[in-house]
PDB file of N, CA and C in Angstrom:
ATOM      1  N   MET A   1      98.337  66.503 105.788  1.00  0.00           N
ATOM      2  CA  MET A   1      97.511  67.512 106.423  1.00  0.00           C
ATOM      3  C   MET A   1      97.280  68.642 105.420  1.00  0.00           C
ATOM      4  N   ALA A   2      96.040  68.974 105.205  1.00  0.00           N
ATOM      5  CA  ALA A   2      95.687  70.069 104.302  1.00  0.00           C
ATOM      6  C   ALA A   2      95.513  71.363 105.090  1.00  0.00           C
ATOM      7  N   LEU A   3      95.967  72.452 104.515  1.00  0.00           N
ATOM      8  CA  LEU A   3      95.811  73.768 105.125  1.00  0.00           C
ATOM      9  C   LEU A   3      94.931  74.635 104.252  1.00  0.00           C
ATOM     10  N   LYS A   4      94.055  75.373 104.885  1.00  0.00           N
ATOM     11  CA  LYS A   4      93.109  76.229 104.179  1.00  0.00           C
ATOM     12  C   LYS A   4      93.459  77.691 104.465  1.00  0.00           C
ATOM     13  N   PRO A   5      93.686  78.499 103.418  1.00  0.00           N
ATOM     14  CA  PRO A   5      93.983  79.914 103.659  1.00  0.00           C
ATOM     15  C   PRO A   5      92.709  80.697 103.989  1.00  0.00           C
ATOM     16  N   HIS A   6      92.851  81.655 104.881  1.00  0.00           N
ATOM     17  CA  HIS A   6      91.772  82.577 105.233  1.00  0.00           C
ATOM     18  C   HIS A   6      92.320  83.997 105.077  1.00  0.00           C
ATOM     19  N   CYS A   7      91.515  84.866 104.509  1.00  0.00           N
ATOM     20  CA  CYS A   7      91.934  86.250 104.284  1.00  0.00           C
ATOM     21  C   CYS A   7      90.809  87.199 104.693  1.00  0.00           C
ATOM     22  N   PHE A   8      91.192  88.365 105.195  1.00  0.00           N
ATOM     23  CA  PHE A   8      90.212  89.414 105.457  1.00  0.00           C
ATOM     24  C   PHE A   8      90.911  90.765 105.485  1.00  0.00           C
ATOM     25  N   LEU A   9      90.132  91.814 105.325  1.00  0.00           N
ATOM     26  CA  LEU A   9      90.627  93.183 105.427  1.00  0.00           C
ATOM     27  C   LEU A   9      90.179  93.767 106.751  1.00  0.00           C
ATOM     28  N   LYS A  10      91.041  94.540 107.359  1.00  0.00           N
ATOM     29  CA  LYS A  10      90.712  95.222 108.612  1.00  0.00           C
ATOM     30  C   LYS A  10      91.006  96.699 108.431  1.00  0.00           C
ATOM     31  N   THR A  11      89.967  97.526 108.524  1.00  0.00           N
ATOM     32  CA  THR A  11      90.115  98.976 108.446  1.00  0.00           C
ATOM     33  C   THR A  11      89.910  99.547 109.837  1.00  0.00           C
ATOM     34  N   VAL A  12      90.766 100.482 110.216  1.00  0.00           N
ATOM     35  CA  VAL A  12      90.643 101.138 111.516  1.00  0.00           C
ATOM     36  C   VAL A  12      90.114 102.542 111.257  1.00  0.00           C
ATOM     37  N   ALA A  13      88.966 102.841 111.816  1.00  0.00           N
ATOM     38  CA  ALA A  13      88.257 104.075 111.490  1.00  0.00           C
ATOM     39  C   ALA A  13      88.986 105.350 111.921  1.00  0.00           C
ATOM     40  N   LEU A  14      89.516 105.361 113.149  1.00  0.00           N
ATOM     41  CA  LEU A  14      90.052 106.605 113.700  1.00  0.00           C
ATOM     42  C   LEU A  14      91.473 106.433 114.223  1.00  0.00           C
ATOM     43  N   THR A  15      92.280 107.474 114.066  1.00  0.00           N
ATOM     44  CA  THR A  15      93.651 107.456 114.585  1.00  0.00           C
ATOM     45  C   THR A  15      93.671 107.503 116.103  1.00  0.00           C
ATOM     46  N   THR A  16      92.579 107.899 116.695  1.00  0.00           N
ATOM     47  CA  THR A  16      92.510 108.038 118.150  1.00  0.00           C
ATOM     48  C   THR A  16      92.037 106.764 118.848  1.00  0.00           C
ATOM     49  N   THR A  17      91.703 105.725 118.061  1.00  0.00           N
ATOM     50  CA  THR A  17      91.158 104.502 118.646  1.00  0.00           C
ATOM     51  C   THR A  17      91.897 103.285 118.111  1.00  0.00           C
ATOM     52  N   ARG A  18      92.563 102.557 118.998  1.00  0.00           N
ATOM     53  CA  ARG A  18      93.189 101.299 118.580  1.00  0.00           C
ATOM     54  C   ARG A  18      92.112 100.229 118.495  1.00  0.00           C
ATOM     55  N   GLU A  19      92.309  99.288 117.580  1.00  0.00           N
ATOM     56  CA  GLU A  19      91.347  98.205 117.403  1.00  0.00           C
ATOM     57  C   GLU A  19      92.059  96.869 117.296  1.00  0.00           C
ATOM     58  N   GLN A  20      91.353  95.819 117.720  1.00  0.00           N
ATOM     59  CA  GLN A  20      91.873  94.465 117.596  1.00  0.00           C
ATOM     60  C   GLN A  20      91.885  94.064 116.124  1.00  0.00           C
ATOM     61  N   LEU A  21      92.880  93.244 115.748  1.00  0.00           N
ATOM     62  CA  LEU A  21      92.904  92.709 114.392  1.00  0.00           C
ATOM     63  C   LEU A  21      91.612  91.942 114.128  1.00  0.00           C
ATOM     64  N   THR A  22      91.165  91.172 115.099  1.00  0.00           N
ATOM     65  CA  THR A  22      89.879  90.480 115.049  1.00  0.00           C
ATOM     66  C   THR A  22      89.412  90.245 116.478  1.00  0.00           C
ATOM     67  N   THR A  23      88.124  90.180 116.676  1.00  0.00           N
ATOM     68  CA  THR A  23      87.590  89.854 118.001  1.00  0.00           C
ATOM     69  C   THR A  23      87.357  88.357 118.135  1.00  0.00           C
ATOM     70  N   ASN A  24      87.530  87.626 117.038  1.00  0.00           N
ATOM     71  CA  ASN A  24      87.371  86.173 117.068  1.00  0.00           C
ATOM     72  C   ASN A  24      88.565  85.533 117.767  1.00  0.00           C
ATOM     73  N   ASN A  25      88.318  84.454 118.465  1.00  0.00           N
ATOM     74  CA  ASN A  25      89.372  83.742 119.175  1.00  0.00           C
ATOM     75  C   ASN A  25      90.054  82.770 118.213  1.00  0.00           C
ATOM     76  N   ILE A  26      90.992  83.296 117.411  1.00  0.00           N
ATOM     77  CA  ILE A  26      91.716  82.503 116.419  1.00  0.00           C
ATOM     78  C   ILE A  26      93.177  82.454 116.842  1.00  0.00           C
ATOM     79  N   SER A  27      93.702  81.239 116.996  1.00  0.00           N
ATOM     80  CA  SER A  27      95.113  81.076 117.357  1.00  0.00           C
ATOM     81  C   SER A  27      95.827  80.376 116.215  1.00  0.00           C
ATOM     82  N   VAL A  28      96.924  80.968 115.764  1.00  0.00           N
ATOM     83  CA  VAL A  28      97.674  80.461 114.621  1.00  0.00           C
ATOM     84  C   VAL A  28      99.173  80.578 114.905  1.00  0.00           C
ATOM     85  N   PRO A  29      99.991  79.752 114.238  1.00  0.00           N
ATOM     86  CA  PRO A  29     101.437  79.877 114.437  1.00  0.00           C
ATOM     87  C   PRO A  29     102.017  81.128 113.790  1.00  0.00           C
ATOM     88  N   ALA A  30     101.340  81.655 112.756  1.00  0.00           N
ATOM     89  CA  ALA A  30     101.826  82.849 112.071  1.00  0.00           C
ATOM     90  C   ALA A  30     100.671  83.548 111.362  1.00  0.00           C
ATOM     91  N   VAL A  31     100.790  84.843 111.215  1.00  0.00           N
ATOM     92  CA  VAL A  31      99.802  85.620 110.484  1.00  0.00           C
ATOM     93  C   VAL A  31     100.546  86.646 109.621  1.00  0.00           C
ATOM     94  N   LEU A  32     100.128  86.746 108.364  1.00  0.00           N
ATOM     95  CA  LEU A  32     100.735  87.679 107.426  1.00  0.00           C
ATOM     96  C   LEU A  32      99.888  88.943 107.374  1.00  0.00           C
ATOM     97  N   LEU A  33     100.518  90.082 107.582  1.00  0.00           N
ATOM     98  CA  LEU A  33      99.833  91.366 107.526  1.00  0.00           C
ATOM     99  C   LEU A  33     100.434  92.208 106.407  1.00  0.00           C
ATOM    100  N   GLN A  34      99.580  92.835 105.606  1.00  0.00           N
ATOM    101  CA  GLN A  34     100.053  93.766 104.589  1.00  0.00           C
ATOM    102  C   GLN A  34      99.259  95.056 104.723  1.00  0.00           C
ATOM    103  N   ALA A  35      99.978  96.171 104.847  1.00  0.00           N
ATOM    104  CA  ALA A  35      99.305  97.469 104.866  1.00  0.00           C
ATOM    105  C   ALA A  35      98.643  97.667 103.503  1.00  0.00           C
ATOM    106  N   GLU A  36      97.396  98.111 103.507  1.00  0.00           N
ATOM    107  CA  GLU A  36      96.684  98.298 102.245  1.00  0.00           C
ATOM    108  C   GLU A  36      97.460  99.228 101.325  1.00  0.00           C
ATOM    109  N   LEU A  37      97.415  98.928 100.035  1.00  0.00           N
ATOM    110  CA  LEU A  37      98.144  99.733  99.059  1.00  0.00           C
ATOM    111  C   LEU A  37      97.633 101.170  99.007  1.00  0.00           C
ATOM    112  N   SER A  38      96.375 101.363  99.369  1.00  0.00           N
ATOM    113  CA  SER A  38      95.768 102.697  99.326  1.00  0.00           C
ATOM    114  C   SER A  38      96.025 103.519 100.589  1.00  0.00           C
ATOM    115  N   ASN A  39      96.683 102.937 101.586  1.00  0.00           N
ATOM    116  CA  ASN A  39      96.975 103.693 102.813  1.00  0.00           C
ATOM    117  C   ASN A  39      97.798 104.931 102.487  1.00  0.00           C
ATOM    118  N   THR A  40      97.508 106.008 103.198  1.00  0.00           N
ATOM    119  CA  THR A  40      98.281 107.244 103.008  1.00  0.00           C
ATOM    120  C   THR A  40      99.152 107.570 104.215  1.00  0.00           C
ATOM    121  N   GLY A  41      99.077 106.738 105.222  1.00  0.00           N
ATOM    122  CA  GLY A  41      99.889 106.933 106.429  1.00  0.00           C
ATOM    123  C   GLY A  41     100.491 105.624 106.870  1.00  0.00           C
ATOM    124  N   TYR A  42     100.787 105.530 108.148  1.00  0.00           N
ATOM    125  CA  TYR A  42     101.377 104.333 108.733  1.00  0.00           C
ATOM    126  C   TYR A  42     100.317 103.535 109.479  1.00  0.00           C
ATOM    127  N   MET A  43     100.543 102.221 109.549  1.00  0.00           N
ATOM    128  CA  MET A  43      99.728 101.361 110.400  1.00  0.00           C
ATOM    129  C   MET A  43     100.662 100.814 111.472  1.00  0.00           C
ATOM    130  N   TYR A  44     100.338 101.105 112.719  1.00  0.00           N
ATOM    131  CA  TYR A  44     101.130 100.636 113.847  1.00  0.00           C
ATOM    132  C   TYR A  44     100.515  99.350 114.385  1.00  0.00           C
ATOM    133  N   VAL A  45     101.347  98.341 114.597  1.00  0.00           N
ATOM    134  CA  VAL A  45     100.907  97.023 115.040  1.00  0.00           C
ATOM    135  C   VAL A  45     101.562  96.732 116.383  1.00  0.00           C
ATOM    136  N   GLY A  46     100.772  96.232 117.327  1.00  0.00           N
ATOM    137  CA  GLY A  46     101.332  95.917 118.635  1.00  0.00           C
ATOM    138  C   GLY A  46     100.317  95.227 119.521  1.00  0.00           C
ATOM    139  N   ASP A  47     100.469  95.460 120.822  1.00  0.00           N
ATOM    140  CA  ASP A  47      99.544  94.881 121.790  1.00  0.00           C
ATOM    141  C   ASP A  47      98.438  95.889 122.105  1.00  0.00           C
ATOM    142  N   SER A  48      97.710  95.666 123.180  1.00  0.00           N
ATOM    143  CA  SER A  48      96.559  96.518 123.504  1.00  0.00           C
ATOM    144  C   SER A  48      96.936  97.944 123.884  1.00  0.00           C
ATOM    145  N   THR A  49      98.221  98.232 123.998  1.00  0.00           N
ATOM    146  CA  THR A  49      98.667  99.599 124.296  1.00  0.00           C
ATOM    147  C   THR A  49      99.308 100.271 123.086  1.00  0.00           C
ATOM    148  N   VAL A  50      99.145  99.686 121.908  1.00  0.00           N
ATOM    149  CA  VAL A  50      99.798 100.205 120.702  1.00  0.00           C
ATOM    150  C   VAL A  50      99.434 101.673 120.452  1.00  0.00           C
ATOM    151  N   SER A  51     100.415 102.439 120.009  1.00  0.00           N
ATOM    152  CA  SER A  51     100.214 103.838 119.632  1.00  0.00           C
ATOM    153  C   SER A  51     101.308 104.204 118.641  1.00  0.00           C
ATOM    154  N   SER A  52     101.298 105.443 118.203  1.00  0.00           N
ATOM    155  CA  SER A  52     102.325 105.888 117.258  1.00  0.00           C
ATOM    156  C   SER A  52     103.698 106.000 117.901  1.00  0.00           C
ATOM    157  N   THR A  53     103.748 105.928 119.220  1.00  0.00           N
ATOM    158  CA  THR A  53     105.038 105.985 119.925  1.00  0.00           C
ATOM    159  C   THR A  53     105.345 104.701 120.687  1.00  0.00           C
ATOM    160  N   ASN A  54     104.444 103.716 120.623  1.00  0.00           N
ATOM    161  CA  ASN A  54     104.619 102.448 121.326  1.00  0.00           C
ATOM    162  C   ASN A  54     104.058 101.338 120.448  1.00  0.00           C
ATOM    163  N   TYR A  55     104.906 100.740 119.640  1.00  0.00           N
ATOM    164  CA  TYR A  55     104.432  99.737 118.689  1.00  0.00           C
ATOM    165  C   TYR A  55     105.501  98.679 118.464  1.00  0.00           C
ATOM    166  N   GLY A  56     105.081  97.558 117.920  1.00  0.00           N
ATOM    167  CA  GLY A  56     106.016  96.494 117.573  1.00  0.00           C
ATOM    168  C   GLY A  56     106.496  96.616 116.146  1.00  0.00           C
ATOM    169  N   VAL A  57     105.574  96.999 115.253  1.00  0.00           N
ATOM    170  CA  VAL A  57     105.870  97.116 113.832  1.00  0.00           C
ATOM    171  C   VAL A  57     105.142  98.334 113.281  1.00  0.00           C
ATOM    172  N   CYS A  58     105.805  99.058 112.392  1.00  0.00           N
ATOM    173  CA  CYS A  58     105.207 100.199 111.691  1.00  0.00           C
ATOM    174  C   CYS A  58     105.203  99.871 110.202  1.00  0.00           C
ATOM    175  N   LEU A  59     104.008  99.836 109.606  1.00  0.00           N
ATOM    176  CA  LEU A  59     103.877  99.469 108.200  1.00  0.00           C
ATOM    177  C   LEU A  59     103.477 100.672 107.349  1.00  0.00           C
ATOM    178  N   SER A  60     104.192 100.895 106.258  1.00  0.00           N
ATOM    179  CA  SER A  60     103.806 101.869 105.235  1.00  0.00           C
ATOM    180  C   SER A  60     102.953 101.148 104.198  1.00  0.00           C
ATOM    181  N   ALA A  61     102.302 101.878 103.323  1.00  0.00           N
ATOM    182  CA  ALA A  61     101.457 101.285 102.286  1.00  0.00           C
ATOM    183  C   ALA A  61     102.213 100.186 101.541  1.00  0.00           C
ATOM    184  N   GLY A  62     101.598  99.002 101.485  1.00  0.00           N
ATOM    185  CA  GLY A  62     102.175  97.882 100.760  1.00  0.00           C
ATOM    186  C   GLY A  62     103.178  97.044 101.543  1.00  0.00           C
ATOM    187  N   ASP A  63     103.643  97.531 102.689  1.00  0.00           N
ATOM    188  CA  ASP A  63     104.591  96.753 103.493  1.00  0.00           C
ATOM    189  C   ASP A  63     103.946  95.465 103.976  1.00  0.00           C
ATOM    190  N   VAL A  64     104.754  94.411 104.054  1.00  0.00           N
ATOM    191  CA  VAL A  64     104.290  93.100 104.501  1.00  0.00           C
ATOM    192  C   VAL A  64     105.094  92.683 105.718  1.00  0.00           C
ATOM    193  N   TYR A  65     104.413  92.122 106.701  1.00  0.00           N
ATOM    194  CA  TYR A  65     105.071  91.611 107.899  1.00  0.00           C
ATOM    195  C   TYR A  65     104.421  90.288 108.288  1.00  0.00           C
ATOM    196  N   THR A  66     105.239  89.297 108.588  1.00  0.00           N
ATOM    197  CA  THR A  66     104.734  88.028 109.087  1.00  0.00           C
ATOM    198  C   THR A  66     105.025  87.945 110.573  1.00  0.00           C
ATOM    199  N   LEU A  67     103.972  87.906 111.346  1.00  0.00           N
ATOM    200  CA  LEU A  67     104.083  87.743 112.795  1.00  0.00           C
ATOM    201  C   LEU A  67     104.096  86.249 113.068  1.00  0.00           C
ATOM    202  N   SER A  68     105.264  85.735 113.442  1.00  0.00           N
ATOM    203  CA  SER A  68     105.462  84.302 113.597  1.00  0.00           C
ATOM    204  C   SER A  68     105.978  83.989 114.994  1.00  0.00           C
ATOM    205  N   ALA A  69     105.258  83.123 115.698  1.00  0.00           N
ATOM    206  CA  ALA A  69     105.687  82.715 117.037  1.00  0.00           C
ATOM    207  C   ALA A  69     107.060  82.059 116.977  1.00  0.00           C
ATOM    208  N   GLU A  70     107.283  81.221 115.987  1.00  0.00           N
ATOM    209  CA  GLU A  70     108.559  80.517 115.877  1.00  0.00           C
ATOM    210  C   GLU A  70     109.708  81.493 115.627  1.00  0.00           C
ATOM    211  N   GLU A  71     109.515  82.463 114.735  1.00  0.00           N
ATOM    212  CA  GLU A  71     110.574  83.430 114.444  1.00  0.00           C
ATOM    213  C   GLU A  71     110.867  84.346 115.629  1.00  0.00           C
ATOM    214  N   LEU A  72     109.906  84.482 116.531  1.00  0.00           N
ATOM    215  CA  LEU A  72     110.120  85.296 117.724  1.00  0.00           C
ATOM    216  C   LEU A  72     110.624  84.464 118.902  1.00  0.00           C
ATOM    217  N   GLY A  73     111.017  83.212 118.622  1.00  0.00           N
ATOM    218  CA  GLY A  73     111.649  82.389 119.638  1.00  0.00           C
ATOM    219  C   GLY A  73     110.736  81.508 120.463  1.00  0.00           C
ATOM    220  N   TRP A  74     109.490  81.329 120.008  1.00  0.00           N
ATOM    221  CA  TRP A  74     108.538  80.542 120.792  1.00  0.00           C
ATOM    222  C   TRP A  74     108.222  79.192 120.163  1.00  0.00           C
ATOM    223  N   GLY A  75     109.098  78.695 119.311  1.00  0.00           N
ATOM    224  CA  GLY A  75     108.948  77.356 118.737  1.00  0.00           C
ATOM    225  C   GLY A  75     107.605  77.137 118.080  1.00  0.00           C
ATOM    226  N   LYS A  76     106.918  76.131 118.509  1.00  0.00           N
ATOM    227  CA  LYS A  76     105.633  75.741 117.906  1.00  0.00           C
ATOM    228  C   LYS A  76     104.425  76.382 118.604  1.00  0.00           C
ATOM    229  N   ALA A  77     104.635  77.478 119.287  1.00  0.00           N
ATOM    230  CA  ALA A  77     103.540  78.164 119.994  1.00  0.00           C
ATOM    231  C   ALA A  77     102.585  78.818 118.990  1.00  0.00           C
ATOM    232  N   PHE A  78     101.474  79.324 119.504  1.00  0.00           N
ATOM    233  CA  PHE A  78     100.463  79.973 118.674  1.00  0.00           C
ATOM    234  C   PHE A  78     100.267  81.421 119.102  1.00  0.00           C
ATOM    235  N   ILE A  79      99.825  82.233 118.151  1.00  0.00           N
ATOM    236  CA  ILE A  79      99.524  83.652 118.370  1.00  0.00           C
ATOM    237  C   ILE A  79      98.007  83.797 118.425  1.00  0.00           C
ATOM    238  N   SER A  80      97.500  84.454 119.437  1.00  0.00           N
ATOM    239  CA  SER A  80      96.078  84.760 119.519  1.00  0.00           C
ATOM    240  C   SER A  80      95.834  86.045 118.725  1.00  0.00           C
ATOM    241  N   MET A  81      95.145  85.931 117.596  1.00  0.00           N
ATOM    242  CA  MET A  81      94.958  87.094 116.723  1.00  0.00           C
ATOM    243  C   MET A  81      94.129  88.195 117.373  1.00  0.00           C
ATOM    244  N   LYS A  82      93.307  87.856 118.375  1.00  0.00           N
ATOM    245  CA  LYS A  82      92.529  88.899 119.038  1.00  0.00           C
ATOM    246  C   LYS A  82      93.406  89.753 119.956  1.00  0.00           C
ATOM    247  N   ASP A  83      94.660  89.296 120.198  1.00  0.00           N
ATOM    248  CA  ASP A  83      95.593  90.064 121.017  1.00  0.00           C
ATOM    249  C   ASP A  83      96.538  90.929 120.190  1.00  0.00           C
ATOM    250  N   VAL A  84      96.323  90.963 118.876  1.00  0.00           N
ATOM    251  CA  VAL A  84      97.077  91.851 117.980  1.00  0.00           C
ATOM    252  C   VAL A  84      96.219  93.095 117.761  1.00  0.00           C
ATOM    253  N   TRP A  85      96.796  94.257 118.017  1.00  0.00           N
ATOM    254  CA  TRP A  85      96.062  95.515 117.932  1.00  0.00           C
ATOM    255  C   TRP A  85      96.676  96.427 116.885  1.00  0.00           C
ATOM    256  N   LEU A  86      95.844  97.312 116.326  1.00  0.00           N
ATOM    257  CA  LEU A  86      96.256  98.218 115.266  1.00  0.00           C
ATOM    258  C   LEU A  86      95.821  99.641 115.581  1.00  0.00           C
ATOM    259  N   VAL A  87      96.623 100.598 115.142  1.00  0.00           N
ATOM    260  CA  VAL A  87      96.204 101.994 115.161  1.00  0.00           C
ATOM    261  C   VAL A  87      96.866 102.674 113.958  1.00  0.00           C
ATOM    262  N   PRO A  88      96.086 103.419 113.161  1.00  0.00           N
ATOM    263  CA  PRO A  88      96.648 104.075 111.982  1.00  0.00           C
ATOM    264  C   PRO A  88      97.080 105.508 112.284  1.00  0.00           C
ATOM    265  N   SER A  89      97.948 106.051 111.436  1.00  0.00           N
ATOM    266  CA  SER A  89      98.291 107.470 111.552  1.00  0.00           C
ATOM    267  C   SER A  89      97.313 108.328 110.747  1.00  0.00           C
ATOM    268  N   VAL A  90      96.519 107.682 109.890  1.00  0.00           N
ATOM    269  CA  VAL A  90      95.509 108.366 109.069  1.00  0.00           C
ATOM    270  C   VAL A  90      94.198 107.586 109.191  1.00  0.00           C
ATOM    271  N   ASN A  91      93.100 108.282 109.439  1.00  0.00           N
ATOM    272  CA  ASN A  91      91.793 107.627 109.558  1.00  0.00           C
ATOM    273  C   ASN A  91      91.513 106.721 108.370  1.00  0.00           C
ATOM    274  N   THR A  92      90.903 105.612 108.637  1.00  0.00           N
ATOM    275  CA  THR A  92      90.420 104.599 107.690  1.00  0.00           C
ATOM    276  C   THR A  92      91.514 103.888 106.903  1.00  0.00           C
ATOM    277  N   ASP A  93      92.762 103.940 107.342  1.00  0.00           N
ATOM    278  CA  ASP A  93      93.780 103.072 106.756  1.00  0.00           C
ATOM    279  C   ASP A  93      93.566 101.666 107.301  1.00  0.00           C
ATOM    280  N   GLY A  94      94.120 100.671 106.619  1.00  0.00           N
ATOM    281  CA  GLY A  94      93.888  99.304 107.063  1.00  0.00           C
ATOM    282  C   GLY A  94      94.966  98.339 106.645  1.00  0.00           C
ATOM    283  N   VAL A  95      94.720  97.078 106.954  1.00  0.00           N
ATOM    284  CA  VAL A  95      95.627  95.981 106.598  1.00  0.00           C
ATOM    285  C   VAL A  95      94.825  94.845 106.007  1.00  0.00           C
ATOM    286  N   SER A  96      95.496  94.067 105.175  1.00  0.00           N
ATOM    287  CA  SER A  96      94.938  92.780 104.781  1.00  0.00           C
ATOM    288  C   SER A  96      95.643  91.737 105.635  1.00  0.00           C
ATOM    289  N   CYS A  97      94.935  90.675 105.903  1.00  0.00           N
ATOM    290  CA  CYS A  97      95.433  89.642 106.816  1.00  0.00           C
ATOM    291  C   CYS A  97      95.227  88.288 106.160  1.00  0.00           C
ATOM    292  N   MET A  98      96.241  87.428 106.263  1.00  0.00           N
ATOM    293  CA  MET A  98      96.099  86.067 105.769  1.00  0.00           C
ATOM    294  C   MET A  98      96.735  85.111 106.762  1.00  0.00           C
ATOM    295  N   TYR A  99      96.047  84.018 107.015  1.00  0.00           N
ATOM    296  CA  TYR A  99      96.563  82.971 107.882  1.00  0.00           C
ATOM    297  C   TYR A  99      96.092  81.623 107.365  1.00  0.00           C
ATOM    298  N   LEU A 100      96.751  80.576 107.827  1.00  0.00           N
ATOM    299  CA  LEU A 100      96.401  79.225 107.421  1.00  0.00           C
ATOM    300  C   LEU A 100      95.772  78.478 108.591  1.00  0.00           C
ATOM    301  N   GLU A 101      94.801  77.619 108.237  1.00  0.00           N
ATOM    302  CA  GLU A 101      94.112  76.824 109.238  1.00  0.00           C
ATOM    303  C   GLU A 101      93.997  75.395 108.714  1.00  0.00           C
ATOM    304  N   ARG A 102      94.078  74.448 109.604  1.00  0.00           N
ATOM    305  CA  ARG A 102      93.909  73.061 109.153  1.00  0.00           C
ATOM    306  C   ARG A 102      92.537  72.899 108.516  1.00  0.00           C
ATOM    307  N   GLY A 103      92.505  72.277 107.347  1.00  0.00           N
ATOM    308  CA  GLY A 103      91.260  72.156 106.600  1.00  0.00           C
ATOM    309  C   GLY A 103      90.631  70.808 106.694  1.00  0.00           C
TER     310      GLY A 103
END
């Protein structure tokens, strides 16, 4: 089975507005997130209620986090990337995202 990597950048315009990682219906077993090296604040990662006081992960510039269904105890389950939300502590900070898809 061949796997094809996909990458994209996601910038969140305002600290007052949370945004979906993607609006596309993409389900994957794991997704790698890296806070952009140029970020000057934090990127908060969570569900649709994510905020600076309610988050799953807080990333500083350059930090990397792999959101993995298996590592969170869900075996071979998949993560819906449109259900991952972001909010920055500084306007226009962002993340890079990489995931694998069957090719």
